[in-house]
Amino acid sequence: MKKVLLLDLDDTLLDFTRGEKESLEKVLSYYKIENTKDNQELYYLINKKYWRMYELHQIEREKLLGLRFEEFFNHFNIRVD
């Protein structure tokens, strides 16, 4: 007899949404970027765009992880890698 236990971690046991929000706040603070709703929305739009590209096999995961931040910080004339 097989026994299997499946757990849904995403926003069930682990609050990824809250973690992402808190991390973004820390990054904005570190780079002295104002933590406004507009700046948060800009990041989320860029992030969503890259994850969508990944889902469509248009970009590799490793590139997604860096390029989303490069594009976001370019809006503030900050170079990151």
N, C-alpha and C. Protein backbone atom coordinates (compact mmCIF):
# COMPACT_ATOMS: atom_id res chain seq x y z
N MET A 1 0.83 -1.18 0.00
CA MET A 1 0.00 0.00 0.00
C MET A 1 0.88 1.25 0.00
N LYS A 2 0.61 2.15 -0.94
CA LYS A 2 1.36 3.40 -1.01
C LYS A 2 0.64 4.46 -0.21
N LYS A 3 1.44 5.20 0.51
CA LYS A 3 0.91 6.33 1.25
C LYS A 3 1.61 7.59 0.75
N VAL A 4 0.84 8.54 0.34
CA VAL A 4 1.39 9.77 -0.21
C VAL A 4 0.73 10.95 0.50
N LEU A 5 1.55 11.90 0.82
CA LEU A 5 1.06 13.13 1.42
C LEU A 5 1.50 14.28 0.53
N LEU A 6 0.55 15.01 0.00
CA LEU A 6 0.84 16.16 -0.84
C LEU A 6 0.53 17.43 -0.06
N LEU A 7 1.47 18.36 -0.09
CA LEU A 7 1.28 19.63 0.59
C LEU A 7 1.40 20.76 -0.42
N ASP A 8 0.55 21.73 -0.30
CA ASP A 8 0.62 22.92 -1.13
C ASP A 8 1.26 24.01 -0.29
N LEU A 9 2.52 24.30 -0.56
CA LEU A 9 3.24 25.28 0.23
C LEU A 9 2.94 26.72 -0.19
N ASP A 10 2.78 26.95 -1.49
CA ASP A 10 2.60 28.31 -2.01
C ASP A 10 1.39 28.99 -1.41
N ASP A 11 1.66 29.97 -0.58
CA ASP A 11 0.62 30.78 0.06
C ASP A 11 -0.38 29.96 0.86
N THR A 12 0.01 28.76 1.25
CA THR A 12 -0.80 27.96 2.16
C THR A 12 -0.02 27.83 3.47
N LEU A 13 1.03 27.04 3.45
CA LEU A 13 1.88 26.91 4.63
C LEU A 13 2.93 28.02 4.70
N LEU A 14 3.39 28.46 3.54
CA LEU A 14 4.37 29.53 3.46
C LEU A 14 3.72 30.73 2.79
N ASP A 15 3.86 31.89 3.36
CA ASP A 15 3.25 33.10 2.83
C ASP A 15 4.22 33.78 1.87
N PHE A 16 4.26 33.30 0.63
CA PHE A 16 5.18 33.84 -0.36
C PHE A 16 4.84 35.29 -0.70
N THR A 17 3.57 35.63 -0.72
CA THR A 17 3.17 37.00 -1.04
C THR A 17 3.73 37.98 -0.02
N ARG A 18 3.58 37.65 1.24
CA ARG A 18 4.11 38.51 2.31
C ARG A 18 5.64 38.58 2.26
N GLY A 19 6.27 37.43 2.04
CA GLY A 19 7.72 37.39 1.95
C GLY A 19 8.24 38.23 0.80
N GLU A 20 7.57 38.16 -0.34
CA GLU A 20 7.97 38.95 -1.50
C GLU A 20 7.82 40.44 -1.20
N LYS A 21 6.71 40.81 -0.57
CA LYS A 21 6.46 42.22 -0.24
C LYS A 21 7.51 42.75 0.73
N GLU A 22 7.81 41.99 1.77
CA GLU A 22 8.80 42.42 2.75
C GLU A 22 10.20 42.51 2.13
N SER A 23 10.52 41.56 1.27
CA SER A 23 11.83 41.59 0.60
C SER A 23 11.95 42.80 -0.31
N LEU A 24 10.88 43.09 -1.06
CA LEU A 24 10.90 44.24 -1.95
C LEU A 24 11.09 45.52 -1.14
N GLU A 25 10.40 45.63 -0.01
CA GLU A 25 10.54 46.81 0.85
C GLU A 25 11.99 46.99 1.29
N LYS A 26 12.65 45.91 1.65
CA LYS A 26 14.05 45.98 2.10
C LYS A 26 14.97 46.39 0.96
N VAL A 27 14.72 45.86 -0.23
CA VAL A 27 15.56 46.20 -1.39
C VAL A 27 15.37 47.66 -1.76
N LEU A 28 14.13 48.12 -1.77
CA LEU A 28 13.87 49.53 -2.07
C LEU A 28 14.57 50.43 -1.06
N SER A 29 14.48 50.09 0.18
CA SER A 29 15.14 50.86 1.24
C SER A 29 16.65 50.87 1.05
N TYR A 30 17.22 49.72 0.75
CA TYR A 30 18.67 49.60 0.56
C TYR A 30 19.16 50.53 -0.54
N TYR A 31 18.40 50.57 -1.63
CA TYR A 31 18.79 51.40 -2.78
C TYR A 31 18.22 52.81 -2.70
N LYS A 32 17.62 53.14 -1.56
CA LYS A 32 17.06 54.47 -1.33
C LYS A 32 16.03 54.87 -2.39
N ILE A 33 15.19 53.91 -2.73
CA ILE A 33 14.08 54.13 -3.65
C ILE A 33 12.83 54.22 -2.80
N GLU A 34 12.03 55.23 -3.05
CA GLU A 34 10.82 55.44 -2.27
C GLU A 34 9.88 54.24 -2.39
N ASN A 35 9.39 53.77 -1.26
CA ASN A 35 8.50 52.60 -1.23
C ASN A 35 7.06 53.06 -1.45
N THR A 36 6.75 53.33 -2.72
CA THR A 36 5.40 53.79 -3.07
C THR A 36 4.63 52.67 -3.75
N LYS A 37 3.35 52.83 -3.80
CA LYS A 37 2.50 51.86 -4.49
C LYS A 37 2.90 51.76 -5.96
N ASP A 38 3.22 52.90 -6.58
CA ASP A 38 3.63 52.90 -7.99
C ASP A 38 4.92 52.11 -8.20
N ASN A 39 5.89 52.29 -7.32
CA ASN A 39 7.15 51.57 -7.46
C ASN A 39 6.96 50.07 -7.22
N GLN A 40 6.12 49.73 -6.26
CA GLN A 40 5.82 48.32 -6.02
C GLN A 40 5.13 47.71 -7.24
N GLU A 41 4.15 48.42 -7.77
CA GLU A 41 3.41 47.92 -8.94
C GLU A 41 4.33 47.75 -10.15
N LEU A 42 5.26 48.69 -10.32
CA LEU A 42 6.23 48.58 -11.41
C LEU A 42 7.00 47.27 -11.28
N TYR A 43 7.51 47.00 -10.07
CA TYR A 43 8.25 45.75 -9.88
C TYR A 43 7.37 44.54 -10.18
N TYR A 44 6.14 44.53 -9.65
CA TYR A 44 5.27 43.37 -9.85
C TYR A 44 4.93 43.16 -11.32
N LEU A 45 4.73 44.25 -12.07
CA LEU A 45 4.46 44.11 -13.51
C LEU A 45 5.65 43.52 -14.25
N ILE A 46 6.83 44.03 -13.94
CA ILE A 46 8.05 43.50 -14.57
C ILE A 46 8.25 42.05 -14.19
N ASN A 47 8.11 41.74 -12.92
CA ASN A 47 8.28 40.38 -12.44
C ASN A 47 7.31 39.42 -13.14
N LYS A 48 6.05 39.84 -13.21
CA LYS A 48 5.02 39.00 -13.85
C LYS A 48 5.35 38.77 -15.32
N LYS A 49 5.84 39.83 -15.99
CA LYS A 49 6.21 39.71 -17.40
C LYS A 49 7.27 38.62 -17.60
N TYR A 50 8.29 38.64 -16.75
CA TYR A 50 9.37 37.66 -16.90
C TYR A 50 8.91 36.25 -16.55
N TRP A 51 8.06 36.09 -15.54
CA TRP A 51 7.56 34.75 -15.22
C TRP A 51 6.67 34.23 -16.34
N ARG A 52 5.93 35.13 -16.98
CA ARG A 52 5.10 34.72 -18.12
C ARG A 52 5.98 34.27 -19.28
N MET A 53 7.05 34.99 -19.54
CA MET A 53 8.00 34.59 -20.59
C MET A 53 8.58 33.21 -20.28
N TYR A 54 8.88 32.98 -19.01
CA TYR A 54 9.40 31.67 -18.60
C TYR A 54 8.38 30.57 -18.86
N GLU A 55 7.12 30.82 -18.50
CA GLU A 55 6.07 29.83 -18.72
C GLU A 55 5.90 29.50 -20.19
N LEU A 56 6.16 30.48 -21.06
CA LEU A 56 6.03 30.28 -22.51
C LEU A 56 7.33 29.78 -23.13
N HIS A 57 8.30 29.44 -22.29
CA HIS A 57 9.62 28.93 -22.72
C HIS A 57 10.36 29.94 -23.59
N GLN A 58 10.20 31.22 -23.29
CA GLN A 58 10.88 32.27 -24.04
C GLN A 58 12.14 32.75 -23.32
N ILE A 59 12.33 32.30 -22.10
CA ILE A 59 13.49 32.70 -21.31
C ILE A 59 13.81 31.59 -20.31
N GLU A 60 15.08 31.44 -20.01
CA GLU A 60 15.48 30.44 -19.01
C GLU A 60 15.32 31.03 -17.62
N ARG A 61 15.08 30.15 -16.65
CA ARG A 61 14.85 30.58 -15.27
C ARG A 61 16.01 31.42 -14.74
N GLU A 62 17.24 31.01 -15.03
CA GLU A 62 18.41 31.72 -14.53
C GLU A 62 18.43 33.16 -15.04
N LYS A 63 18.06 33.35 -16.30
CA LYS A 63 18.03 34.71 -16.87
C LYS A 63 16.90 35.52 -16.26
N LEU A 64 15.76 34.91 -16.08
CA LEU A 64 14.59 35.56 -15.47
C LEU A 64 14.98 36.15 -14.12
N LEU A 65 15.68 35.39 -13.30
CA LEU A 65 15.99 35.80 -11.94
C LEU A 65 16.81 37.09 -11.90
N GLY A 66 17.64 37.32 -12.89
CA GLY A 66 18.45 38.53 -12.92
C GLY A 66 17.83 39.66 -13.73
N LEU A 67 17.30 39.33 -14.89
CA LEU A 67 16.81 40.37 -15.80
C LEU A 67 15.65 41.16 -15.23
N ARG A 68 14.80 40.54 -14.44
CA ARG A 68 13.66 41.28 -13.87
C ARG A 68 14.16 42.41 -12.97
N PHE A 69 15.23 42.17 -12.23
CA PHE A 69 15.78 43.22 -11.37
C PHE A 69 16.53 44.27 -12.18
N GLU A 70 17.26 43.82 -13.20
CA GLU A 70 17.96 44.78 -14.05
C GLU A 70 16.98 45.75 -14.67
N GLU A 71 15.88 45.24 -15.22
CA GLU A 71 14.88 46.10 -15.84
C GLU A 71 14.24 47.04 -14.82
N PHE A 72 13.91 46.53 -13.66
CA PHE A 72 13.29 47.35 -12.63
C PHE A 72 14.22 48.50 -12.22
N PHE A 73 15.47 48.18 -11.91
CA PHE A 73 16.40 49.20 -11.43
C PHE A 73 16.82 50.17 -12.52
N ASN A 74 16.73 49.75 -13.79
CA ASN A 74 17.01 50.68 -14.88
C ASN A 74 16.07 51.89 -14.85
N HIS A 75 14.86 51.70 -14.35
CA HIS A 75 13.91 52.81 -14.26
C HIS A 75 14.39 53.89 -13.28
N PHE A 76 15.34 53.54 -12.44
CA PHE A 76 15.87 54.48 -11.44
C PHE A 76 17.34 54.81 -11.72
N ASN A 77 17.79 54.44 -12.92
CA ASN A 77 19.18 54.66 -13.32
C ASN A 77 20.16 54.02 -12.35
N ILE A 78 19.80 52.82 -11.89
CA ILE A 78 20.68 52.05 -11.00
C ILE A 78 21.05 50.77 -11.72
N ARG A 79 22.35 50.52 -11.79
CA ARG A 79 22.82 49.30 -12.44
C ARG A 79 23.03 48.22 -11.39
N VAL A 80 22.41 47.07 -11.61
CA VAL A 80 22.59 45.92 -10.73
C VAL A 80 22.95 44.72 -11.57
N ASP A 81 23.53 43.72 -10.92
CA ASP A 81 23.77 42.47 -11.65
C ASP A 81 23.43 41.31 -10.75
